Amino acid sequence: MAAEPDRIGVDSSVAERGPTALRIAVGGQLRKLREGRGITPQAAGDHIRGSSAKISRLELGRTGFKERDVVDLLALYGVTDADQRELLVDLALKANEPGWWHRYNDLLPSWFETYLGLEGAARTIRTFEGQLVPGLLQTADYATAVVAVGYDNSEWPRRPDRPSLDVQAARRVELRTKRQEILDVRGGPTLWAVVDEAVLHRPVGGAKVLREQLEHLVEMSHNSRVIIQVLSYESGGNAAAGSSFTMLRFAELELPDIVYLEQLTTALYLDRREDLHLYREVMDRLAVQAETPERSRALIMAAAAKL
C-alpha cells in the first residue's frame, strides 16, 4: 500500500504575486503528487477525461483549473486528508480569479495580459533597454511622456462607449505604475536591468522630467531587489544590435525561461532551448560589458546633474 503523500504546501506569499504565480504553484504541487505516486501524465489525463498534454498544461500553470479535475486528480494521487484536499481545491479556484490588471482589459491586448501574469510570477526579470527607461522603473511623469509619444489614435476609435483619449492615456500610466508594485511584494521578483547610456540623455518629457527620472533610478538602485547597469558609450558596440528584450526566469525548475520581445502590434514569447541559449548568452555579455552597478549609479547621477 502506497504511503500518504507529503503534506501540501504553497508559500503564503505566492498569492500576493497574482493568479498566474498561484496557478504555477498549484500546478507544481499536482506534478509532485503525481510523480510521488508513479503515475504517468497519460494515465492522469485519462482519469480526468483528457490527455497527457492537458496534464502538462495544468502542471505548468498554463491553463485554469476545473474543480472537478482537481478533485479527481487528488483522489487518483491518494490525497485522503480532507483538509489538504480542501486547501488545494481552494487554491486552484483562487488561481482562476482575474488578475489585478483585469480592470484595464479594455486597454490591454491579450498578448500583453499574458506578459503581466508571467512578470508577476517570475523569480528574476532581466531586461535590456536601448531606447527608454524600463517600464518597471519609470516615474509617472516619464511614463506619461512615453504614452503621449507612442499613442496611436487609430487604436482607439472614437466610440460612444469609450472614454476620452486623455482618460485612456491616464489609465495607461496608472497601469504602468501599478505594475511596479511587484518590486515591493513579499516574494516578488528581482529586477536586473541593463540600459544603454543613450537612455540617460534622451529628454523624454523634457529636462525636468528626465532629471526626476534619473534621480528615481538612483534611488531604485539602492533597492536590494534591483540591479541597474549602464552600457556606456565607451563600451563600443554590443551584441544586442539595438534591440530591447526581457528574460523571465521562474523558481519552478520545470518551467523554462521565457524571452519576451514586444513589437508595435504584438509580442513574441520565445522558449525554445536554442533561442533561450542565444538570449541568455547575449544578456550575460551585456552585463559583463556594462559598467558595474556602482559605476552605473555614478553615471546616472552625473547625467542628472547636467540637467
C-alpha atoms as a PDB file:
ATOM      1  CA  MET A   1       0.000   0.000   0.000  1.00  0.00           C
ATOM      2  CA  ALA A   2       1.409   3.371  -1.046  1.00  0.00           C
ATOM      3  CA  ALA A   3       2.320   5.874   1.647  1.00  0.00           C
ATOM      4  CA  GLU A   4       0.280   9.007   2.193  1.00  0.00           C
ATOM      5  CA  PRO A   5       1.761  11.847   0.064  1.00  0.00           C
ATOM      6  CA  ASP A   6       3.733  14.633   1.726  1.00  0.00           C
ATOM      7  CA  ARG A   7       1.589  17.414   3.081  1.00  0.00           C
ATOM      8  CA  ILE A   8       0.607  20.006   0.536  1.00  0.00           C
ATOM      9  CA  GLY A   9       2.182  23.408   0.945  1.00  0.00           C
ATOM     10  CA  VAL A  10       2.205  26.639  -1.083  1.00  0.00           C
ATOM     11  CA  ASP A  11       4.175  29.599   0.228  1.00  0.00           C
ATOM     12  CA  SER A  12       1.787  32.215   1.577  1.00  0.00           C
ATOM     13  CA  SER A  13       3.490  34.956  -0.458  1.00  0.00           C
ATOM     14  CA  VAL A  14       2.620  33.280  -3.772  1.00  0.00           C
ATOM     15  CA  ALA A  15      -0.965  34.545  -3.812  1.00  0.00           C
ATOM     16  CA  GLU A  16       0.305  38.097  -3.366  1.00  0.00           C
ATOM     17  CA  ARG A  17       2.128  37.782  -6.687  1.00  0.00           C
ATOM     18  CA  GLY A  18      -1.099  37.228  -8.608  1.00  0.00           C
ATOM     19  CA  PRO A  19      -3.142  34.364 -10.057  1.00  0.00           C
ATOM     20  CA  THR A  20      -0.500  33.308 -12.585  1.00  0.00           C
ATOM     21  CA  ALA A  21       2.043  32.691  -9.825  1.00  0.00           C
ATOM     22  CA  LEU A  22      -0.573  30.818  -7.810  1.00  0.00           C
ATOM     23  CA  ARG A  23      -1.580  28.746 -10.839  1.00  0.00           C
ATOM     24  CA  ILE A  24       2.070  27.769 -11.382  1.00  0.00           C
ATOM     25  CA  ALA A  25       2.460  26.852  -7.707  1.00  0.00           C
ATOM     26  CA  VAL A  26      -0.692  24.705  -7.670  1.00  0.00           C
ATOM     27  CA  GLY A  27       0.352  23.012 -10.908  1.00  0.00           C
ATOM     28  CA  GLY A  28       3.723  22.246  -9.361  1.00  0.00           C
ATOM     29  CA  GLN A  29       2.023  20.642  -6.375  1.00  0.00           C
ATOM     30  CA  LEU A  30      -0.093  18.458  -8.656  1.00  0.00           C
ATOM     31  CA  ARG A  31       3.010  17.358 -10.548  1.00  0.00           C
ATOM     32  CA  LYS A  32       4.810  16.401  -7.305  1.00  0.00           C
ATOM     33  CA  LEU A  33       1.793  14.422  -6.150  1.00  0.00           C
ATOM     34  CA  ARG A  34       1.534  12.605  -9.477  1.00  0.00           C
ATOM     35  CA  GLU A  35       5.228  11.771  -9.604  1.00  0.00           C
ATOM     36  CA  GLY A  36       5.173  10.691  -5.961  1.00  0.00           C
ATOM     37  CA  ARG A  37       2.609   8.025  -6.872  1.00  0.00           C
ATOM     38  CA  GLY A  38       4.473   6.977 -10.019  1.00  0.00           C
ATOM     39  CA  ILE A  39       1.530   7.882 -12.262  1.00  0.00           C
ATOM     40  CA  THR A  40       2.217   8.841 -15.867  1.00  0.00           C
ATOM     41  CA  PRO A  41       0.802  12.026 -17.414  1.00  0.00           C
ATOM     42  CA  GLN A  42      -1.164   9.841 -19.852  1.00  0.00           C
ATOM     43  CA  ALA A  43      -2.816   7.876 -17.029  1.00  0.00           C
ATOM     44  CA  ALA A  44      -3.640  11.095 -15.183  1.00  0.00           C
ATOM     45  CA  GLY A  45      -5.082  12.586 -18.354  1.00  0.00           C
ATOM     46  CA  ASP A  46      -7.227   9.533 -18.968  1.00  0.00           C
ATOM     47  CA  HIS A  47      -8.536   9.758 -15.405  1.00  0.00           C
ATOM     48  CA  ILE A  48      -9.918  13.258 -15.966  1.00  0.00           C
ATOM     49  CA  ARG A  49     -11.168  12.543 -19.477  1.00  0.00           C
ATOM     50  CA  GLY A  50      -8.313  14.468 -21.017  1.00  0.00           C
ATOM     51  CA  SER A  51      -4.817  13.873 -22.365  1.00  0.00           C
ATOM     52  CA  SER A  52      -1.209  13.998 -21.261  1.00  0.00           C
ATOM     53  CA  ALA A  53      -0.982  17.404 -22.954  1.00  0.00           C
ATOM     54  CA  LYS A  54      -3.747  18.698 -20.688  1.00  0.00           C
ATOM     55  CA  ILE A  55      -1.895  17.425 -17.621  1.00  0.00           C
ATOM     56  CA  SER A  56       1.243  19.177 -18.857  1.00  0.00           C
ATOM     57  CA  ARG A  57      -0.635  22.482 -19.262  1.00  0.00           C
ATOM     58  CA  LEU A  58      -2.148  22.130 -15.784  1.00  0.00           C
ATOM     59  CA  GLU A  59       1.180  21.323 -14.161  1.00  0.00           C
ATOM     60  CA  LEU A  60       2.968  24.205 -15.895  1.00  0.00           C
ATOM     61  CA  GLY A  61       0.254  26.666 -14.883  1.00  0.00           C
ATOM     62  CA  ARG A  62      -0.637  27.458 -18.478  1.00  0.00           C
ATOM     63  CA  THR A  63      -4.369  26.910 -18.120  1.00  0.00           C
ATOM     64  CA  GLY A  64      -7.039  27.380 -15.492  1.00  0.00           C
ATOM     65  CA  PHE A  65      -8.334  24.611 -13.233  1.00  0.00           C
ATOM     66  CA  LYS A  66     -11.717  22.932 -13.211  1.00  0.00           C
ATOM     67  CA  GLU A  67     -12.756  21.981  -9.691  1.00  0.00           C
ATOM     68  CA  ARG A  68     -13.878  18.529 -10.847  1.00  0.00           C
ATOM     69  CA  ASP A  69     -10.468  17.835 -12.435  1.00  0.00           C
ATOM     70  CA  VAL A  70      -8.580  18.833  -9.292  1.00  0.00           C
ATOM     71  CA  VAL A  71     -10.839  16.734  -7.070  1.00  0.00           C
ATOM     72  CA  ASP A  72     -10.457  13.708  -9.349  1.00  0.00           C
ATOM     73  CA  LEU A  73      -6.674  14.083  -9.566  1.00  0.00           C
ATOM     74  CA  LEU A  74      -6.317  14.359  -5.797  1.00  0.00           C
ATOM     75  CA  ALA A  75      -8.300  11.153  -5.418  1.00  0.00           C
ATOM     76  CA  LEU A  76      -6.084   9.431  -8.002  1.00  0.00           C
ATOM     77  CA  TYR A  77      -2.954  10.677  -6.238  1.00  0.00           C
ATOM     78  CA  GLY A  78      -4.086   9.272  -2.907  1.00  0.00           C
ATOM     79  CA  VAL A  79      -4.675  12.542  -1.066  1.00  0.00           C
ATOM     80  CA  THR A  80      -7.203  11.396   1.523  1.00  0.00           C
ATOM     81  CA  ASP A  81      -6.774  14.101   4.153  1.00  0.00           C
ATOM     82  CA  ALA A  82      -9.887  16.310   3.880  1.00  0.00           C
ATOM     83  CA  ASP A  83      -8.068  19.474   4.959  1.00  0.00           C
ATOM     84  CA  GLN A  84      -5.325  19.022   2.372  1.00  0.00           C
ATOM     85  CA  ARG A  85      -7.834  18.323  -0.372  1.00  0.00           C
ATOM     86  CA  GLU A  86      -9.874  21.386   0.563  1.00  0.00           C
ATOM     87  CA  LEU A  87      -6.747  23.558   0.678  1.00  0.00           C
ATOM     88  CA  LEU A  88      -5.555  22.653  -2.801  1.00  0.00           C
ATOM     89  CA  VAL A  89      -9.033  22.905  -4.348  1.00  0.00           C
ATOM     90  CA  ASP A  90      -9.438  26.340  -2.754  1.00  0.00           C
ATOM     91  CA  LEU A  91      -6.044  27.480  -4.067  1.00  0.00           C
ATOM     92  CA  ALA A  92      -6.894  26.171  -7.540  1.00  0.00           C
ATOM     93  CA  LEU A  93     -10.141  28.152  -7.590  1.00  0.00           C
ATOM     94  CA  LYS A  94      -8.346  31.296  -6.391  1.00  0.00           C
ATOM     95  CA  ALA A  95      -5.819  30.807  -9.194  1.00  0.00           C
ATOM     96  CA  ASN A  96      -8.695  31.139 -11.669  1.00  0.00           C
ATOM     97  CA  GLU A  97      -9.623  34.614 -10.434  1.00  0.00           C
ATOM     98  CA  PRO A  98      -8.844  37.583 -12.700  1.00  0.00           C
ATOM     99  CA  GLY A  99      -5.553  39.376 -12.091  1.00  0.00           C
ATOM    100  CA  TRP A 100      -5.338  42.957 -10.839  1.00  0.00           C
ATOM    101  CA  TRP A 101      -4.948  44.071 -14.450  1.00  0.00           C
ATOM    102  CA  HIS A 102      -8.432  42.813 -15.324  1.00  0.00           C
ATOM    103  CA  ARG A 103      -9.938  46.259 -14.782  1.00  0.00           C
ATOM    104  CA  TYR A 104      -7.652  47.568 -17.523  1.00  0.00           C
ATOM    105  CA  ASN A 105      -8.609  44.894 -20.048  1.00  0.00           C
ATOM    106  CA  ASP A 106     -10.174  47.474 -22.351  1.00  0.00           C
ATOM    107  CA  LEU A 107      -6.636  48.856 -22.810  1.00  0.00           C
ATOM    108  CA  LEU A 108      -4.744  45.593 -22.977  1.00  0.00           C
ATOM    109  CA  PRO A 109      -4.234  43.304 -25.957  1.00  0.00           C
ATOM    110  CA  SER A 110      -4.342  39.648 -24.929  1.00  0.00           C
ATOM    111  CA  TRP A 111      -0.644  39.161 -25.603  1.00  0.00           C
ATOM    112  CA  PHE A 112       0.255  41.800 -23.009  1.00  0.00           C
ATOM    113  CA  GLU A 113      -2.148  40.406 -20.418  1.00  0.00           C
ATOM    114  CA  THR A 114      -0.170  37.184 -20.695  1.00  0.00           C
ATOM    115  CA  TYR A 115       3.056  39.063 -20.034  1.00  0.00           C
ATOM    116  CA  LEU A 116       1.702  40.835 -16.943  1.00  0.00           C
ATOM    117  CA  GLY A 117       0.826  37.495 -15.388  1.00  0.00           C
ATOM    118  CA  LEU A 118       4.230  35.994 -16.177  1.00  0.00           C
ATOM    119  CA  GLU A 119       6.049  39.124 -14.971  1.00  0.00           C
ATOM    120  CA  GLY A 120       4.431  38.869 -11.553  1.00  0.00           C
ATOM    121  CA  ALA A 121       5.106  35.132 -11.364  1.00  0.00           C
ATOM    122  CA  ALA A 122       8.791  35.387 -12.277  1.00  0.00           C
ATOM    123  CA  ARG A 123      11.601  34.979  -9.776  1.00  0.00           C
ATOM    124  CA  THR A 124      14.041  37.054 -11.854  1.00  0.00           C
ATOM    125  CA  ILE A 125      13.427  39.649 -14.570  1.00  0.00           C
ATOM    126  CA  ARG A 126      16.432  40.518 -16.722  1.00  0.00           C
ATOM    127  CA  THR A 127      15.914  43.235 -19.289  1.00  0.00           C
ATOM    128  CA  PHE A 128      17.949  45.198 -21.810  1.00  0.00           C
ATOM    129  CA  GLU A 129      16.573  48.528 -22.977  1.00  0.00           C
ATOM    130  CA  GLY A 130      18.260  50.620 -25.642  1.00  0.00           C
ATOM    131  CA  GLN A 131      15.722  53.424 -26.029  1.00  0.00           C
ATOM    132  CA  LEU A 132      13.747  54.080 -22.855  1.00  0.00           C
ATOM    133  CA  VAL A 133      13.861  53.509 -19.118  1.00  0.00           C
ATOM    134  CA  PRO A 134      12.300  50.062 -18.447  1.00  0.00           C
ATOM    135  CA  GLY A 135       8.617  50.290 -17.535  1.00  0.00           C
ATOM    136  CA  LEU A 136       9.146  48.885 -14.034  1.00  0.00           C
ATOM    137  CA  LEU A 137      11.487  51.793 -13.273  1.00  0.00           C
ATOM    138  CA  GLN A 138       9.603  54.690 -14.867  1.00  0.00           C
ATOM    139  CA  THR A 139       8.250  57.642 -12.893  1.00  0.00           C
ATOM    140  CA  ALA A 140       4.639  58.649 -13.521  1.00  0.00           C
ATOM    141  CA  ASP A 141       5.677  61.797 -15.435  1.00  0.00           C
ATOM    142  CA  TYR A 142       8.173  59.898 -17.581  1.00  0.00           C
ATOM    143  CA  ALA A 143       5.557  57.217 -18.292  1.00  0.00           C
ATOM    144  CA  THR A 144       3.061  59.935 -19.231  1.00  0.00           C
ATOM    145  CA  ALA A 145       5.528  61.315 -21.779  1.00  0.00           C
ATOM    146  CA  VAL A 146       6.204  57.831 -23.173  1.00  0.00           C
ATOM    147  CA  VAL A 147       2.488  57.119 -23.540  1.00  0.00           C
ATOM    148  CA  ALA A 148       1.908  60.513 -25.185  1.00  0.00           C
ATOM    149  CA  VAL A 149       4.622  59.949 -27.771  1.00  0.00           C
ATOM    150  CA  GLY A 150       3.555  56.399 -28.579  1.00  0.00           C
ATOM    151  CA  TYR A 151      -0.176  56.990 -28.500  1.00  0.00           C
ATOM    152  CA  ASP A 152      -1.792  55.817 -31.728  1.00  0.00           C
ATOM    153  CA  ASN A 153      -5.272  57.331 -32.022  1.00  0.00           C
ATOM    154  CA  SER A 154      -6.211  54.782 -34.653  1.00  0.00           C
ATOM    155  CA  GLU A 155      -6.019  52.112 -31.959  1.00  0.00           C
ATOM    156  CA  TRP A 156      -8.851  53.777 -30.069  1.00  0.00           C
ATOM    157  CA  PRO A 157     -11.620  54.756 -32.490  1.00  0.00           C
ATOM    158  CA  ARG A 158     -13.971  57.390 -31.144  1.00  0.00           C
ATOM    159  CA  ARG A 159     -16.984  55.436 -29.985  1.00  0.00           C
ATOM    160  CA  PRO A 160     -19.662  56.461 -27.503  1.00  0.00           C
ATOM    161  CA  ASP A 161     -18.764  53.600 -25.152  1.00  0.00           C
ATOM    162  CA  ARG A 162     -15.088  54.589 -24.917  1.00  0.00           C
ATOM    163  CA  PRO A 163     -13.724  57.207 -22.512  1.00  0.00           C
ATOM    164  CA  SER A 164     -11.806  60.151 -23.938  1.00  0.00           C
ATOM    165  CA  LEU A 165      -8.292  59.633 -25.234  1.00  0.00           C
ATOM    166  CA  ASP A 166      -6.917  61.665 -22.309  1.00  0.00           C
ATOM    167  CA  VAL A 167      -8.652  59.381 -19.831  1.00  0.00           C
ATOM    168  CA  GLN A 168      -7.343  56.309 -21.634  1.00  0.00           C
ATOM    169  CA  ALA A 169      -3.805  57.722 -21.591  1.00  0.00           C
ATOM    170  CA  ALA A 170      -4.066  58.428 -17.856  1.00  0.00           C
ATOM    171  CA  ARG A 171      -5.207  54.858 -17.211  1.00  0.00           C
ATOM    172  CA  ARG A 172      -2.292  53.522 -19.248  1.00  0.00           C
ATOM    173  CA  VAL A 173       0.078  55.415 -16.962  1.00  0.00           C
ATOM    174  CA  GLU A 174      -1.825  54.118 -13.933  1.00  0.00           C
ATOM    175  CA  LEU A 175      -1.439  50.584 -15.238  1.00  0.00           C
ATOM    176  CA  ARG A 176       2.303  51.049 -15.715  1.00  0.00           C
ATOM    177  CA  THR A 177       2.654  52.404 -12.184  1.00  0.00           C
ATOM    178  CA  LYS A 178       0.580  49.547 -10.769  1.00  0.00           C
ATOM    179  CA  ARG A 179       2.917  47.025 -12.408  1.00  0.00           C
ATOM    180  CA  GLN A 180       5.809  48.378 -10.367  1.00  0.00           C
ATOM    181  CA  GLU A 181       4.271  47.132  -7.120  1.00  0.00           C
ATOM    182  CA  ILE A 182       5.690  43.660  -7.795  1.00  0.00           C
ATOM    183  CA  LEU A 183       9.079  45.020  -6.712  1.00  0.00           C
ATOM    184  CA  ASP A 184       7.651  45.608  -3.226  1.00  0.00           C
ATOM    185  CA  VAL A 185       5.566  42.439  -2.867  1.00  0.00           C
ATOM    186  CA  ARG A 186       6.943  39.824  -0.489  1.00  0.00           C
ATOM    187  CA  GLY A 187       8.411  37.033  -2.558  1.00  0.00           C
ATOM    188  CA  GLY A 188       8.271  39.142  -5.719  1.00  0.00           C
ATOM    189  CA  PRO A 189      10.883  39.122  -8.478  1.00  0.00           C
ATOM    190  CA  THR A 190      14.355  40.588  -8.649  1.00  0.00           C
ATOM    191  CA  LEU A 191      14.880  43.066 -11.494  1.00  0.00           C
ATOM    192  CA  TRP A 192      18.222  43.222 -13.294  1.00  0.00           C
ATOM    193  CA  ALA A 193      18.171  45.987 -15.904  1.00  0.00           C
ATOM    194  CA  VAL A 194      20.878  46.943 -18.377  1.00  0.00           C
ATOM    195  CA  VAL A 195      20.207  50.233 -20.184  1.00  0.00           C
ATOM    196  CA  ASP A 196      22.125  51.912 -22.957  1.00  0.00           C
ATOM    197  CA  GLU A 197      23.718  55.205 -21.937  1.00  0.00           C
ATOM    198  CA  ALA A 198      21.609  56.940 -24.590  1.00  0.00           C
ATOM    199  CA  VAL A 199      18.598  56.373 -22.327  1.00  0.00           C
ATOM    200  CA  LEU A 200      20.171  58.736 -19.762  1.00  0.00           C
ATOM    201  CA  HIS A 201      20.326  61.591 -22.256  1.00  0.00           C
ATOM    202  CA  ARG A 202      17.148  61.214 -24.314  1.00  0.00           C
ATOM    203  CA  PRO A 203      14.933  64.079 -22.971  1.00  0.00           C
ATOM    204  CA  VAL A 204      11.643  62.189 -22.847  1.00  0.00           C
ATOM    205  CA  GLY A 205       9.162  64.671 -21.377  1.00  0.00           C
ATOM    206  CA  GLY A 206      11.783  67.426 -21.186  1.00  0.00           C
ATOM    207  CA  ALA A 207      14.757  68.139 -18.953  1.00  0.00           C
ATOM    208  CA  LYS A 208      12.826  68.316 -15.661  1.00  0.00           C
ATOM    209  CA  VAL A 209      11.027  65.016 -16.235  1.00  0.00           C
ATOM    210  CA  LEU A 210      14.249  63.302 -17.274  1.00  0.00           C
ATOM    211  CA  ARG A 211      16.151  64.660 -14.263  1.00  0.00           C
ATOM    212  CA  GLU A 212      13.492  63.369 -11.873  1.00  0.00           C
ATOM    213  CA  GLN A 213      13.518  60.054 -13.711  1.00  0.00           C
ATOM    214  CA  LEU A 214      17.278  59.726 -13.332  1.00  0.00           C
ATOM    215  CA  GLU A 215      17.050  60.603  -9.651  1.00  0.00           C
ATOM    216  CA  HIS A 216      14.445  57.861  -9.322  1.00  0.00           C
ATOM    217  CA  LEU A 217      16.839  55.393 -10.964  1.00  0.00           C
ATOM    218  CA  VAL A 218      19.499  56.315  -8.420  1.00  0.00           C
ATOM    219  CA  GLU A 219      17.010  55.738  -5.616  1.00  0.00           C
ATOM    220  CA  MET A 220      15.880  52.395  -7.070  1.00  0.00           C
ATOM    221  CA  SER A 221      19.490  51.276  -7.486  1.00  0.00           C
ATOM    222  CA  HIS A 222      19.689  51.071  -3.674  1.00  0.00           C
ATOM    223  CA  ASN A 223      16.777  48.595  -3.608  1.00  0.00           C
ATOM    224  CA  SER A 224      18.146  45.175  -2.689  1.00  0.00           C
ATOM    225  CA  ARG A 225      15.988  43.559  -5.378  1.00  0.00           C
ATOM    226  CA  VAL A 226      17.008  45.919  -8.190  1.00  0.00           C
ATOM    227  CA  ILE A 227      20.267  45.894 -10.154  1.00  0.00           C
ATOM    228  CA  ILE A 228      20.822  48.673 -12.707  1.00  0.00           C
ATOM    229  CA  GLN A 229      23.759  48.718 -15.117  1.00  0.00           C
ATOM    230  CA  VAL A 230      24.548  51.272 -17.810  1.00  0.00           C
ATOM    231  CA  LEU A 231      26.043  50.197 -21.116  1.00  0.00           C
ATOM    232  CA  SER A 232      28.276  53.222 -21.628  1.00  0.00           C
ATOM    233  CA  TYR A 233      29.304  54.792 -24.922  1.00  0.00           C
ATOM    234  CA  GLU A 234      32.893  53.806 -24.133  1.00  0.00           C
ATOM    235  CA  SER A 235      31.951  50.135 -24.297  1.00  0.00           C
ATOM    236  CA  GLY A 236      31.540  50.359 -28.074  1.00  0.00           C
ATOM    237  CA  GLY A 237      29.202  48.063 -29.992  1.00  0.00           C
ATOM    238  CA  ASN A 238      27.159  45.361 -28.323  1.00  0.00           C
ATOM    239  CA  ALA A 239      25.608  42.000 -29.106  1.00  0.00           C
ATOM    240  CA  ALA A 240      22.024  43.240 -28.742  1.00  0.00           C
ATOM    241  CA  ALA A 241      22.275  45.168 -32.027  1.00  0.00           C
ATOM    242  CA  GLY A 242      19.886  47.931 -30.956  1.00  0.00           C
ATOM    243  CA  SER A 243      17.074  45.614 -29.849  1.00  0.00           C
ATOM    244  CA  SER A 244      15.347  45.508 -26.474  1.00  0.00           C
ATOM    245  CA  PHE A 245      14.197  42.316 -24.775  1.00  0.00           C
ATOM    246  CA  THR A 246      13.260  40.810 -21.428  1.00  0.00           C
ATOM    247  CA  MET A 247      14.044  37.392 -19.958  1.00  0.00           C
ATOM    248  CA  LEU A 248      11.841  35.886 -17.266  1.00  0.00           C
ATOM    249  CA  ARG A 249      13.091  33.098 -15.006  1.00  0.00           C
ATOM    250  CA  PHE A 250      10.852  31.177 -12.626  1.00  0.00           C
ATOM    251  CA  ALA A 251      11.522  29.447  -9.322  1.00  0.00           C
ATOM    252  CA  GLU A 252       9.999  26.204 -10.589  1.00  0.00           C
ATOM    253  CA  LEU A 253      12.704  24.145 -12.301  1.00  0.00           C
ATOM    254  CA  GLU A 254      10.160  22.587 -14.657  1.00  0.00           C
ATOM    255  CA  LEU A 255       9.346  25.966 -16.176  1.00  0.00           C
ATOM    256  CA  PRO A 256      11.672  27.154 -18.929  1.00  0.00           C
ATOM    257  CA  ASP A 257      12.850  30.737 -19.101  1.00  0.00           C
ATOM    258  CA  ILE A 258      10.834  32.961 -21.410  1.00  0.00           C
ATOM    259  CA  VAL A 259      12.179  35.700 -23.659  1.00  0.00           C
ATOM    260  CA  TYR A 260       9.678  38.469 -24.284  1.00  0.00           C
ATOM    261  CA  LEU A 261      10.010  40.619 -27.398  1.00  0.00           C
ATOM    262  CA  GLU A 262       7.449  43.392 -27.695  1.00  0.00           C
ATOM    263  CA  GLN A 263       6.558  44.781 -31.113  1.00  0.00           C
ATOM    264  CA  LEU A 264       4.199  47.558 -32.196  1.00  0.00           C
ATOM    265  CA  THR A 265       1.111  45.392 -32.542  1.00  0.00           C
ATOM    266  CA  THR A 266       2.059  42.079 -30.976  1.00  0.00           C
ATOM    267  CA  ALA A 267       4.712  40.289 -28.934  1.00  0.00           C
ATOM    268  CA  LEU A 268       6.806  37.157 -29.215  1.00  0.00           C
ATOM    269  CA  TYR A 269       7.317  34.662 -26.389  1.00  0.00           C
ATOM    270  CA  LEU A 270      10.373  32.523 -27.012  1.00  0.00           C
ATOM    271  CA  ASP A 271      11.014  29.351 -25.002  1.00  0.00           C
ATOM    272  CA  ARG A 272      12.869  27.095 -27.432  1.00  0.00           C
ATOM    273  CA  ARG A 273      16.152  25.890 -25.985  1.00  0.00           C
ATOM    274  CA  GLU A 274      18.271  27.351 -28.777  1.00  0.00           C
ATOM    275  CA  ASP A 275      16.586  30.756 -28.513  1.00  0.00           C
ATOM    276  CA  LEU A 276      16.992  30.822 -24.746  1.00  0.00           C
ATOM    277  CA  HIS A 277      20.658  29.893 -25.057  1.00  0.00           C
ATOM    278  CA  LEU A 278      21.275  32.740 -27.508  1.00  0.00           C
ATOM    279  CA  TYR A 279      19.473  35.418 -25.497  1.00  0.00           C
ATOM    280  CA  ARG A 280      20.965  34.230 -22.205  1.00  0.00           C
ATOM    281  CA  GLU A 281      24.413  34.448 -23.757  1.00  0.00           C
ATOM    282  CA  VAL A 282      23.726  37.945 -25.104  1.00  0.00           C
ATOM    283  CA  MET A 283      22.357  39.118 -21.751  1.00  0.00           C
ATOM    284  CA  ASP A 284      25.387  37.739 -19.926  1.00  0.00           C
ATOM    285  CA  ARG A 285      27.718  39.518 -22.355  1.00  0.00           C
ATOM    286  CA  LEU A 286      25.827  42.793 -21.933  1.00  0.00           C
ATOM    287  CA  ALA A 287      26.076  42.524 -18.145  1.00  0.00           C
ATOM    288  CA  VAL A 288      29.842  41.959 -18.368  1.00  0.00           C
ATOM    289  CA  GLN A 289      30.297  44.747 -20.930  1.00  0.00           C
ATOM    290  CA  ALA A 290      28.197  47.271 -18.986  1.00  0.00           C
ATOM    291  CA  GLU A 291      29.517  49.355 -16.120  1.00  0.00           C
ATOM    292  CA  THR A 292      29.269  47.923 -12.613  1.00  0.00           C
ATOM    293  CA  PRO A 293      26.184  48.900 -10.585  1.00  0.00           C
ATOM    294  CA  GLU A 294      28.287  51.362  -8.554  1.00  0.00           C
ATOM    295  CA  ARG A 295      29.873  52.971 -11.630  1.00  0.00           C
ATOM    296  CA  SER A 296      26.456  52.961 -13.336  1.00  0.00           C
ATOM    297  CA  ARG A 297      24.950  54.856 -10.397  1.00  0.00           C
ATOM    298  CA  ALA A 298      27.706  57.465 -10.752  1.00  0.00           C
ATOM    299  CA  LEU A 299      26.974  57.849 -14.483  1.00  0.00           C
ATOM    300  CA  ILE A 300      23.275  58.307 -13.791  1.00  0.00           C
ATOM    301  CA  MET A 301      23.975  60.919 -11.110  1.00  0.00           C
ATOM    302  CA  ALA A 302      26.341  62.772 -13.441  1.00  0.00           C
ATOM    303  CA  ALA A 303      23.733  62.816 -16.225  1.00  0.00           C
ATOM    304  CA  ALA A 304      21.102  64.145 -13.811  1.00  0.00           C
ATOM    305  CA  ALA A 305      23.443  66.865 -12.583  1.00  0.00           C
ATOM    306  CA  LYS A 306      23.803  68.241 -16.118  1.00  0.00           C
ATOM    307  CA  LEU A 307      20.038  68.811 -16.485  1.00  0.00           C
END
